[in-house]
């Protein structure tokens, strides 16, 4: 497959909340492997569009496709998508390792395999040895890294980042860029 193959297709998508048009007739194609950014002022519909791709909102009009498959009837938990939200929420009652492994709980993996995968993620986000720490022991940037690792551990086809990587220091942002 070539990198110029369309992977995400958004066709004539609008989202209305009552009389408010949050997203108005958006059509765009995103290619496989492409790093794509939505830029615009607050309230212009960027997050709503991401939420529709993730399945948390449904378009009022139009269709979203991922890998040529229409997503309208696909539940969020069955989409090949993970999303890191603007507030990069992590579960306060879970430690770092438990937060990262959260999405693996239904995958029926052995504890050893889950631990290996979590350790790989901790290395990737430059937090080795932080697995037993609570969320209250982390800086904002560290919490964002944990949320990112939780999204990446499931190896999604699409990773959606709402206000991405803002709390990460420059060195780590550069280290984590996809090449």
N, C-alpha and C. Protein backbone atom coordinates (compact mmCIF):
# COMPACT_ATOMS: atom_id res chain seq x y z
N UNK A 1 0.83 -1.18 0.00
CA UNK A 1 0.00 0.00 0.00
C UNK A 1 0.88 1.25 0.00
N UNK A 2 0.50 2.20 -0.80
CA UNK A 2 1.28 3.43 -0.86
C UNK A 2 0.80 4.42 0.19
N UNK A 3 1.67 5.36 0.55
CA UNK A 3 1.34 6.35 1.56
C UNK A 3 0.35 7.38 1.06
N UNK A 4 0.11 7.48 -0.26
CA UNK A 4 -0.85 8.46 -0.73
C UNK A 4 -2.25 7.86 -0.87
N UNK A 5 -2.45 6.69 -0.31
CA UNK A 5 -3.76 6.05 -0.28
C UNK A 5 -4.62 6.73 0.79
N UNK A 6 -5.86 7.07 0.43
CA UNK A 6 -6.77 7.67 1.40
C UNK A 6 -7.10 6.65 2.48
N UNK A 7 -6.94 7.04 3.73
CA UNK A 7 -7.21 6.16 4.85
C UNK A 7 -8.42 6.63 5.65
N UNK A 8 -8.52 7.95 5.82
CA UNK A 8 -9.69 8.55 6.47
C UNK A 8 -10.34 9.46 5.46
N UNK A 9 -11.63 9.29 5.27
CA UNK A 9 -12.38 10.13 4.34
C UNK A 9 -13.58 10.71 5.09
N UNK A 10 -13.66 12.01 5.09
CA UNK A 10 -14.78 12.72 5.72
C UNK A 10 -15.55 13.36 4.59
N UNK A 11 -16.80 12.94 4.41
CA UNK A 11 -17.58 13.36 3.25
C UNK A 11 -18.83 14.13 3.66
N UNK A 12 -18.81 15.44 3.36
CA UNK A 12 -19.97 16.32 3.58
C UNK A 12 -20.53 16.20 5.00
N UNK A 13 -19.64 16.21 5.99
CA UNK A 13 -20.05 16.01 7.38
C UNK A 13 -20.44 17.34 8.03
N UNK A 14 -21.60 17.33 8.64
CA UNK A 14 -22.08 18.45 9.45
C UNK A 14 -22.57 17.89 10.77
N UNK A 15 -22.46 18.71 11.81
CA UNK A 15 -22.98 18.34 13.13
C UNK A 15 -23.70 19.55 13.69
N UNK A 16 -24.97 19.36 14.00
CA UNK A 16 -25.78 20.43 14.58
C UNK A 16 -26.13 20.07 16.01
N UNK A 17 -26.05 21.05 16.88
CA UNK A 17 -26.56 20.94 18.25
C UNK A 17 -27.69 21.94 18.33
N UNK A 18 -28.91 21.47 18.11
CA UNK A 18 -30.04 22.40 18.00
C UNK A 18 -29.83 23.29 16.79
N UNK A 19 -29.89 24.61 17.00
CA UNK A 19 -29.71 25.56 15.90
C UNK A 19 -28.23 25.87 15.63
N UNK A 20 -27.34 25.35 16.46
CA UNK A 20 -25.91 25.65 16.32
C UNK A 20 -25.26 24.64 15.39
N UNK A 21 -24.57 25.14 14.36
CA UNK A 21 -23.79 24.28 13.47
C UNK A 21 -22.36 24.21 14.01
N UNK A 22 -22.04 23.13 14.69
CA UNK A 22 -20.70 22.97 15.25
C UNK A 22 -19.69 22.62 14.16
N UNK A 23 -20.12 21.81 13.19
CA UNK A 23 -19.30 21.43 12.04
C UNK A 23 -20.20 21.61 10.83
N UNK A 24 -19.69 22.30 9.81
CA UNK A 24 -20.53 22.66 8.66
C UNK A 24 -19.93 22.17 7.35
N UNK A 25 -20.45 21.06 6.84
CA UNK A 25 -20.15 20.54 5.51
C UNK A 25 -18.64 20.37 5.26
N UNK A 26 -18.01 19.56 6.10
CA UNK A 26 -16.57 19.29 5.96
C UNK A 26 -16.36 18.08 5.07
N UNK A 27 -15.48 18.24 4.09
CA UNK A 27 -15.05 17.14 3.24
C UNK A 27 -13.53 17.18 3.18
N UNK A 28 -12.90 16.08 3.53
CA UNK A 28 -11.44 16.00 3.42
C UNK A 28 -11.00 14.55 3.44
N UNK A 29 -9.82 14.33 2.90
CA UNK A 29 -9.21 13.00 2.88
C UNK A 29 -7.86 13.07 3.56
N UNK A 30 -7.58 12.07 4.37
CA UNK A 30 -6.30 11.96 5.06
C UNK A 30 -5.67 10.66 4.61
N UNK A 31 -4.42 10.73 4.22
CA UNK A 31 -3.73 9.56 3.67
C UNK A 31 -3.13 8.70 4.77
N UNK A 32 -2.97 7.44 4.46
CA UNK A 32 -2.34 6.48 5.37
C UNK A 32 -0.96 7.00 5.78
N UNK A 33 -0.69 6.98 7.07
CA UNK A 33 0.61 7.40 7.58
C UNK A 33 0.78 8.90 7.70
N UNK A 34 -0.21 9.66 7.32
CA UNK A 34 -0.10 11.12 7.34
C UNK A 34 -0.33 11.66 8.75
N UNK A 35 0.45 12.66 9.10
CA UNK A 35 0.26 13.41 10.34
C UNK A 35 -0.54 14.63 9.94
N UNK A 36 -1.78 14.73 10.39
CA UNK A 36 -2.71 15.75 9.92
C UNK A 36 -3.17 16.59 11.10
N UNK A 37 -3.16 17.90 10.94
CA UNK A 37 -3.57 18.80 12.01
C UNK A 37 -4.77 19.63 11.58
N UNK A 38 -5.68 19.84 12.52
CA UNK A 38 -6.80 20.75 12.33
C UNK A 38 -6.49 22.01 13.12
N UNK A 39 -6.47 23.13 12.45
CA UNK A 39 -6.18 24.40 13.11
C UNK A 39 -7.39 25.32 12.99
N UNK A 40 -7.64 26.07 14.03
CA UNK A 40 -8.73 27.03 13.99
C UNK A 40 -8.99 27.58 15.38
N UNK A 41 -9.80 28.62 15.45
CA UNK A 41 -10.08 29.25 16.75
C UNK A 41 -10.95 28.36 17.63
N UNK A 42 -10.98 28.68 18.88
CA UNK A 42 -11.82 27.97 19.83
C UNK A 42 -13.27 28.01 19.35
N UNK A 43 -13.94 26.86 19.45
CA UNK A 43 -15.35 26.79 19.08
C UNK A 43 -15.64 26.58 17.62
N UNK A 44 -14.61 26.30 16.81
CA UNK A 44 -14.85 26.16 15.36
C UNK A 44 -15.20 24.73 14.94
N UNK A 45 -15.18 23.77 15.87
CA UNK A 45 -15.60 22.41 15.55
C UNK A 45 -14.50 21.37 15.48
N UNK A 46 -13.27 21.74 15.81
CA UNK A 46 -12.16 20.78 15.73
C UNK A 46 -12.41 19.56 16.62
N UNK A 47 -12.70 19.81 17.88
CA UNK A 47 -12.92 18.71 18.82
C UNK A 47 -14.16 17.91 18.45
N UNK A 48 -15.21 18.58 17.99
CA UNK A 48 -16.42 17.87 17.58
C UNK A 48 -16.12 16.93 16.42
N UNK A 49 -15.31 17.36 15.47
CA UNK A 49 -14.94 16.50 14.35
C UNK A 49 -14.14 15.29 14.84
N UNK A 50 -13.21 15.50 15.76
CA UNK A 50 -12.45 14.39 16.34
C UNK A 50 -13.38 13.43 17.08
N UNK A 51 -14.32 13.98 17.83
CA UNK A 51 -15.27 13.15 18.57
C UNK A 51 -16.14 12.32 17.63
N UNK A 52 -16.47 12.88 16.46
CA UNK A 52 -17.23 12.10 15.47
C UNK A 52 -16.38 10.96 14.91
N UNK A 53 -15.10 11.23 14.62
CA UNK A 53 -14.22 10.16 14.14
C UNK A 53 -14.08 9.05 15.18
N UNK A 54 -14.02 9.44 16.44
CA UNK A 54 -13.88 8.45 17.52
C UNK A 54 -15.19 7.73 17.82
N UNK A 55 -16.32 8.29 17.36
CA UNK A 55 -17.61 7.65 17.59
C UNK A 55 -18.35 8.17 18.80
N UNK A 56 -17.86 9.23 19.43
CA UNK A 56 -18.53 9.79 20.61
C UNK A 56 -19.67 10.73 20.23
N UNK A 57 -19.68 11.18 19.00
CA UNK A 57 -20.76 11.99 18.42
C UNK A 57 -21.07 11.39 17.06
N UNK A 58 -22.29 11.59 16.60
CA UNK A 58 -22.67 11.15 15.25
C UNK A 58 -22.90 12.36 14.38
N UNK A 59 -22.50 12.29 13.11
CA UNK A 59 -22.78 13.41 12.21
C UNK A 59 -24.29 13.58 12.03
N UNK A 60 -24.71 14.83 11.93
CA UNK A 60 -26.10 15.11 11.58
C UNK A 60 -26.32 14.74 10.12
N UNK A 61 -25.32 15.06 9.31
CA UNK A 61 -25.34 14.79 7.87
C UNK A 61 -23.94 14.33 7.48
N UNK A 62 -23.85 13.47 6.48
CA UNK A 62 -22.55 13.07 5.95
C UNK A 62 -22.09 11.73 6.49
N UNK A 63 -20.89 11.35 6.07
CA UNK A 63 -20.34 10.05 6.46
C UNK A 63 -18.84 10.16 6.67
N UNK A 64 -18.36 9.36 7.62
CA UNK A 64 -16.93 9.24 7.90
C UNK A 64 -16.52 7.82 7.56
N UNK A 65 -15.37 7.68 6.89
CA UNK A 65 -14.84 6.37 6.52
C UNK A 65 -13.44 6.22 7.09
N UNK A 66 -13.16 5.05 7.60
CA UNK A 66 -11.80 4.71 8.01
C UNK A 66 -11.45 3.42 7.29
N UNK A 67 -10.38 3.47 6.52
CA UNK A 67 -9.94 2.30 5.74
C UNK A 67 -11.08 1.78 4.85
N UNK A 68 -11.76 2.70 4.19
CA UNK A 68 -12.87 2.43 3.26
C UNK A 68 -14.13 1.88 3.93
N UNK A 69 -14.18 1.84 5.24
CA UNK A 69 -15.35 1.32 5.95
C UNK A 69 -16.16 2.48 6.53
N UNK A 70 -17.47 2.55 6.24
CA UNK A 70 -18.30 3.60 6.85
C UNK A 70 -18.36 3.39 8.37
N UNK A 71 -18.29 4.48 9.11
CA UNK A 71 -18.22 4.39 10.56
C UNK A 71 -19.53 4.71 11.27
N UNK A 72 -20.57 5.13 10.55
CA UNK A 72 -21.82 5.56 11.19
C UNK A 72 -22.39 4.53 12.15
N UNK A 73 -22.38 3.28 11.78
CA UNK A 73 -23.00 2.23 12.59
C UNK A 73 -22.00 1.51 13.49
N UNK A 74 -20.76 2.00 13.54
CA UNK A 74 -19.72 1.33 14.33
C UNK A 74 -19.58 2.02 15.69
N UNK A 75 -19.75 1.25 16.75
CA UNK A 75 -19.64 1.79 18.11
C UNK A 75 -18.20 2.25 18.38
N UNK A 76 -18.03 3.22 19.27
CA UNK A 76 -16.68 3.72 19.57
C UNK A 76 -15.69 2.62 19.96
N UNK A 77 -16.15 1.65 20.75
CA UNK A 77 -15.24 0.60 21.21
C UNK A 77 -14.91 -0.42 20.13
N UNK A 78 -15.53 -0.32 18.96
CA UNK A 78 -15.21 -1.21 17.85
C UNK A 78 -14.50 -0.49 16.71
N UNK A 79 -14.19 0.79 16.90
CA UNK A 79 -13.47 1.54 15.86
C UNK A 79 -11.97 1.37 16.07
N UNK A 80 -11.19 1.41 14.99
CA UNK A 80 -9.73 1.27 15.11
C UNK A 80 -9.09 2.60 15.50
N UNK A 81 -9.66 3.24 16.53
CA UNK A 81 -9.31 4.61 16.89
C UNK A 81 -9.08 4.70 18.39
N UNK A 82 -8.10 5.47 18.80
CA UNK A 82 -7.94 5.89 20.19
C UNK A 82 -7.78 7.39 20.19
N UNK A 83 -8.24 8.02 21.27
CA UNK A 83 -8.21 9.48 21.35
C UNK A 83 -7.62 9.89 22.68
N UNK A 84 -6.72 10.87 22.62
CA UNK A 84 -6.18 11.50 23.82
C UNK A 84 -6.87 12.85 23.92
N UNK A 85 -7.63 13.04 24.99
CA UNK A 85 -8.42 14.25 25.15
C UNK A 85 -7.57 15.42 25.62
N UNK A 86 -8.13 16.62 25.43
CA UNK A 86 -7.43 17.86 25.76
C UNK A 86 -6.95 17.86 27.21
N UNK A 87 -7.75 17.34 28.13
CA UNK A 87 -7.36 17.34 29.53
C UNK A 87 -6.56 16.09 29.91
N UNK A 88 -6.22 15.27 28.89
CA UNK A 88 -5.46 14.03 29.07
C UNK A 88 -5.77 13.32 30.38
N UNK A 89 -7.06 13.11 30.61
CA UNK A 89 -7.52 12.50 31.85
C UNK A 89 -6.93 11.11 32.04
N UNK A 90 -6.41 10.90 33.23
CA UNK A 90 -6.02 9.55 33.64
C UNK A 90 -6.82 9.23 34.90
N UNK A 91 -6.98 7.97 35.17
CA UNK A 91 -7.81 7.56 36.30
C UNK A 91 -7.05 7.79 37.60
N UNK A 92 -7.58 8.64 38.49
CA UNK A 92 -6.84 8.99 39.71
C UNK A 92 -6.68 7.83 40.69
N UNK A 93 -7.56 6.83 40.62
CA UNK A 93 -7.50 5.71 41.56
C UNK A 93 -6.58 4.59 41.08
N UNK A 94 -6.00 4.74 39.88
CA UNK A 94 -5.09 3.73 39.34
C UNK A 94 -3.67 4.28 39.29
N UNK A 95 -2.68 3.40 39.45
CA UNK A 95 -1.30 3.86 39.30
C UNK A 95 -0.96 3.97 37.81
N UNK A 96 0.24 4.40 37.51
CA UNK A 96 0.65 4.63 36.12
C UNK A 96 0.51 3.37 35.28
N UNK A 97 1.03 2.24 35.76
CA UNK A 97 0.94 0.99 34.99
C UNK A 97 -0.50 0.57 34.75
N UNK A 98 -1.34 0.70 35.77
CA UNK A 98 -2.74 0.33 35.63
C UNK A 98 -3.45 1.24 34.63
N UNK A 99 -3.11 2.53 34.64
CA UNK A 99 -3.68 3.46 33.67
C UNK A 99 -3.30 3.06 32.25
N UNK A 100 -2.04 2.75 32.04
CA UNK A 100 -1.57 2.40 30.70
C UNK A 100 -2.21 1.09 30.23
N UNK A 101 -2.33 0.12 31.13
CA UNK A 101 -2.86 -1.20 30.78
C UNK A 101 -4.38 -1.24 30.70
N UNK A 102 -5.05 -0.16 31.05
CA UNK A 102 -6.51 -0.17 31.18
C UNK A 102 -7.21 -0.74 29.94
N UNK A 103 -6.81 -0.33 28.76
CA UNK A 103 -7.46 -0.79 27.53
C UNK A 103 -7.21 -2.24 27.19
N UNK A 104 -6.22 -2.85 27.83
CA UNK A 104 -5.88 -4.25 27.55
C UNK A 104 -6.72 -5.24 28.36
N UNK A 105 -7.48 -4.74 29.33
CA UNK A 105 -8.17 -5.63 30.27
C UNK A 105 -9.07 -6.65 29.60
N UNK A 106 -9.71 -6.28 28.50
CA UNK A 106 -10.63 -7.21 27.83
C UNK A 106 -9.94 -8.08 26.78
N UNK A 107 -8.65 -7.90 26.59
CA UNK A 107 -7.94 -8.63 25.54
C UNK A 107 -7.49 -10.03 25.95
N UNK A 108 -7.73 -10.41 27.18
CA UNK A 108 -7.40 -11.75 27.67
C UNK A 108 -5.93 -12.10 27.47
N UNK A 109 -5.07 -11.13 27.76
CA UNK A 109 -3.63 -11.34 27.70
C UNK A 109 -3.13 -11.83 29.05
N UNK A 110 -2.03 -12.54 29.05
CA UNK A 110 -1.44 -12.96 30.32
C UNK A 110 -0.90 -11.72 31.04
N UNK A 111 -0.80 -11.82 32.36
CA UNK A 111 -0.25 -10.72 33.14
C UNK A 111 1.17 -10.40 32.67
N UNK A 112 1.94 -11.43 32.36
CA UNK A 112 3.31 -11.23 31.89
C UNK A 112 3.33 -10.42 30.60
N UNK A 113 2.47 -10.76 29.65
CA UNK A 113 2.42 -10.05 28.37
C UNK A 113 1.99 -8.60 28.58
N UNK A 114 0.98 -8.40 29.44
CA UNK A 114 0.53 -7.03 29.72
C UNK A 114 1.66 -6.22 30.37
N UNK A 115 2.36 -6.83 31.31
CA UNK A 115 3.47 -6.14 31.98
C UNK A 115 4.56 -5.78 30.97
N UNK A 116 4.85 -6.69 30.04
CA UNK A 116 5.86 -6.40 29.00
C UNK A 116 5.43 -5.22 28.14
N UNK A 117 4.15 -5.22 27.75
CA UNK A 117 3.65 -4.14 26.90
C UNK A 117 3.67 -2.80 27.64
N UNK A 118 3.31 -2.82 28.92
CA UNK A 118 3.34 -1.60 29.73
C UNK A 118 4.78 -1.11 29.86
N UNK A 119 5.71 -2.01 30.11
CA UNK A 119 7.12 -1.61 30.22
C UNK A 119 7.63 -0.99 28.92
N UNK A 120 7.21 -1.55 27.77
CA UNK A 120 7.59 -0.96 26.48
C UNK A 120 7.05 0.46 26.36
N UNK A 121 5.81 0.66 26.78
CA UNK A 121 5.21 2.00 26.72
C UNK A 121 5.91 2.96 27.67
N UNK A 122 6.25 2.49 28.87
CA UNK A 122 6.96 3.35 29.82
C UNK A 122 8.30 3.79 29.25
N UNK A 123 8.98 2.88 28.56
CA UNK A 123 10.24 3.25 27.90
C UNK A 123 9.99 4.26 26.78
N UNK A 124 8.95 4.03 25.98
CA UNK A 124 8.64 4.92 24.87
C UNK A 124 8.38 6.34 25.34
N UNK A 125 7.66 6.49 26.45
CA UNK A 125 7.31 7.82 26.94
C UNK A 125 8.33 8.37 27.93
N UNK A 126 9.46 7.69 28.03
CA UNK A 126 10.58 8.12 28.89
C UNK A 126 10.18 8.22 30.36
N UNK A 127 9.40 7.23 30.83
CA UNK A 127 9.05 7.14 32.25
C UNK A 127 9.31 5.75 32.81
N UNK A 128 10.46 5.13 32.48
CA UNK A 128 10.73 3.80 33.05
C UNK A 128 10.82 3.92 34.57
N UNK A 129 10.27 2.93 35.26
CA UNK A 129 10.32 2.94 36.72
C UNK A 129 9.20 3.74 37.37
N UNK A 130 8.31 4.33 36.60
CA UNK A 130 7.22 5.13 37.15
C UNK A 130 5.93 4.33 37.32
N UNK A 131 5.92 3.05 37.00
CA UNK A 131 4.71 2.26 36.97
C UNK A 131 3.90 2.24 38.25
N UNK A 132 4.55 2.28 39.40
CA UNK A 132 3.83 2.20 40.67
C UNK A 132 3.40 3.55 41.21
N UNK A 133 3.75 4.62 40.53
CA UNK A 133 3.39 5.96 41.01
C UNK A 133 1.91 6.25 40.79
N UNK A 134 1.35 7.03 41.71
CA UNK A 134 -0.02 7.48 41.57
C UNK A 134 -0.09 8.71 40.68
N UNK A 135 -1.28 9.01 40.17
CA UNK A 135 -1.42 10.17 39.27
C UNK A 135 -1.11 11.47 39.99
N UNK A 136 -1.32 11.52 41.31
CA UNK A 136 -1.03 12.74 42.06
C UNK A 136 0.47 12.97 42.24
N UNK A 137 1.28 12.01 41.85
CA UNK A 137 2.74 12.14 41.94
C UNK A 137 3.36 12.54 40.61
N UNK A 138 2.54 12.89 39.62
CA UNK A 138 3.02 13.19 38.28
C UNK A 138 2.81 14.65 37.93
N UNK A 139 3.71 15.19 37.14
CA UNK A 139 3.53 16.54 36.59
C UNK A 139 2.50 16.48 35.47
N UNK A 140 2.07 17.63 34.99
CA UNK A 140 1.13 17.68 33.87
C UNK A 140 1.67 16.99 32.64
N UNK A 141 2.94 17.21 32.34
CA UNK A 141 3.56 16.57 31.18
C UNK A 141 3.64 15.06 31.33
N UNK A 142 3.93 14.61 32.55
CA UNK A 142 3.98 13.17 32.80
C UNK A 142 2.59 12.54 32.68
N UNK A 143 1.56 13.23 33.17
CA UNK A 143 0.19 12.71 33.02
C UNK A 143 -0.18 12.62 31.55
N UNK A 144 0.24 13.62 30.77
CA UNK A 144 -0.06 13.58 29.34
C UNK A 144 0.64 12.40 28.67
N UNK A 145 1.85 12.12 29.07
CA UNK A 145 2.58 10.97 28.52
C UNK A 145 1.87 9.66 28.86
N UNK A 146 1.37 9.55 30.08
CA UNK A 146 0.65 8.33 30.49
C UNK A 146 -0.61 8.17 29.64
N UNK A 147 -1.35 9.26 29.43
CA UNK A 147 -2.55 9.19 28.58
C UNK A 147 -2.19 8.79 27.16
N UNK A 148 -1.08 9.30 26.66
CA UNK A 148 -0.63 8.94 25.31
C UNK A 148 -0.25 7.46 25.24
N UNK A 149 0.46 6.97 26.25
CA UNK A 149 0.82 5.54 26.29
C UNK A 149 -0.42 4.66 26.35
N UNK A 150 -1.42 5.08 27.13
CA UNK A 150 -2.66 4.31 27.22
C UNK A 150 -3.34 4.22 25.85
N UNK A 151 -3.25 5.29 25.06
CA UNK A 151 -3.84 5.28 23.72
C UNK A 151 -3.01 4.45 22.75
N UNK A 152 -1.70 4.49 22.88
CA UNK A 152 -0.82 3.79 21.94
C UNK A 152 -0.71 2.29 22.19
N UNK A 153 -0.92 1.85 23.42
CA UNK A 153 -0.68 0.45 23.76
C UNK A 153 -1.57 -0.51 22.96
N UNK A 154 -2.73 -0.04 22.53
CA UNK A 154 -3.64 -0.87 21.75
C UNK A 154 -3.31 -0.86 20.25
N UNK A 155 -2.28 -0.12 19.88
CA UNK A 155 -1.84 -0.03 18.49
C UNK A 155 -2.99 0.33 17.54
N UNK A 156 -3.64 1.46 17.80
CA UNK A 156 -4.77 1.86 16.95
C UNK A 156 -4.32 2.22 15.54
N UNK A 157 -5.21 2.04 14.58
CA UNK A 157 -4.92 2.48 13.21
C UNK A 157 -4.93 4.00 13.13
N UNK A 158 -5.73 4.63 14.00
CA UNK A 158 -5.86 6.09 14.01
C UNK A 158 -5.69 6.56 15.44
N UNK A 159 -4.82 7.53 15.65
CA UNK A 159 -4.63 8.16 16.95
C UNK A 159 -5.06 9.61 16.82
N UNK A 160 -6.08 9.98 17.59
CA UNK A 160 -6.60 11.35 17.58
C UNK A 160 -6.09 12.07 18.82
N UNK A 161 -5.51 13.23 18.62
CA UNK A 161 -4.97 14.02 19.73
C UNK A 161 -5.68 15.36 19.76
N UNK A 162 -6.38 15.65 20.85
CA UNK A 162 -7.06 16.92 21.02
C UNK A 162 -6.14 17.82 21.84
N UNK A 163 -5.66 18.89 21.25
CA UNK A 163 -4.66 19.78 21.89
C UNK A 163 -3.41 18.96 22.22
N UNK A 164 -2.77 18.39 21.22
CA UNK A 164 -1.72 17.40 21.45
C UNK A 164 -0.41 17.94 21.98
N UNK A 165 0.15 17.19 22.88
CA UNK A 165 1.55 17.30 23.29
C UNK A 165 1.94 18.65 23.86
N UNK A 166 0.98 19.49 24.22
CA UNK A 166 1.29 20.82 24.72
C UNK A 166 2.05 20.82 26.03
N UNK A 167 1.80 19.84 26.89
CA UNK A 167 2.45 19.81 28.19
C UNK A 167 3.79 19.07 28.17
N UNK A 168 4.17 18.52 27.02
CA UNK A 168 5.43 17.79 26.94
C UNK A 168 6.58 18.75 26.70
N UNK A 169 7.72 18.45 27.27
CA UNK A 169 8.88 19.29 27.01
C UNK A 169 9.37 19.05 25.58
N UNK A 170 10.12 20.02 25.04
CA UNK A 170 10.54 19.99 23.64
C UNK A 170 11.32 18.72 23.29
N UNK A 171 12.24 18.33 24.15
CA UNK A 171 13.07 17.15 23.88
C UNK A 171 12.20 15.90 23.72
N UNK A 172 11.23 15.72 24.62
CA UNK A 172 10.38 14.53 24.53
C UNK A 172 9.46 14.61 23.32
N UNK A 173 8.93 15.80 22.99
CA UNK A 173 8.10 15.93 21.78
C UNK A 173 8.88 15.47 20.57
N UNK A 174 10.14 15.90 20.46
CA UNK A 174 10.97 15.51 19.32
C UNK A 174 11.23 14.00 19.34
N UNK A 175 11.49 13.43 20.52
CA UNK A 175 11.78 12.01 20.65
C UNK A 175 10.58 11.16 20.24
N UNK A 176 9.37 11.63 20.52
CA UNK A 176 8.17 10.84 20.28
C UNK A 176 7.56 11.04 18.90
N UNK A 177 8.08 11.97 18.10
CA UNK A 177 7.52 12.20 16.77
C UNK A 177 7.63 10.94 15.94
N UNK A 178 6.57 10.69 15.19
CA UNK A 178 6.54 9.50 14.34
C UNK A 178 7.34 9.79 13.09
N UNK A 179 8.19 8.84 12.67
CA UNK A 179 9.05 9.10 11.53
C UNK A 179 8.71 8.37 10.32
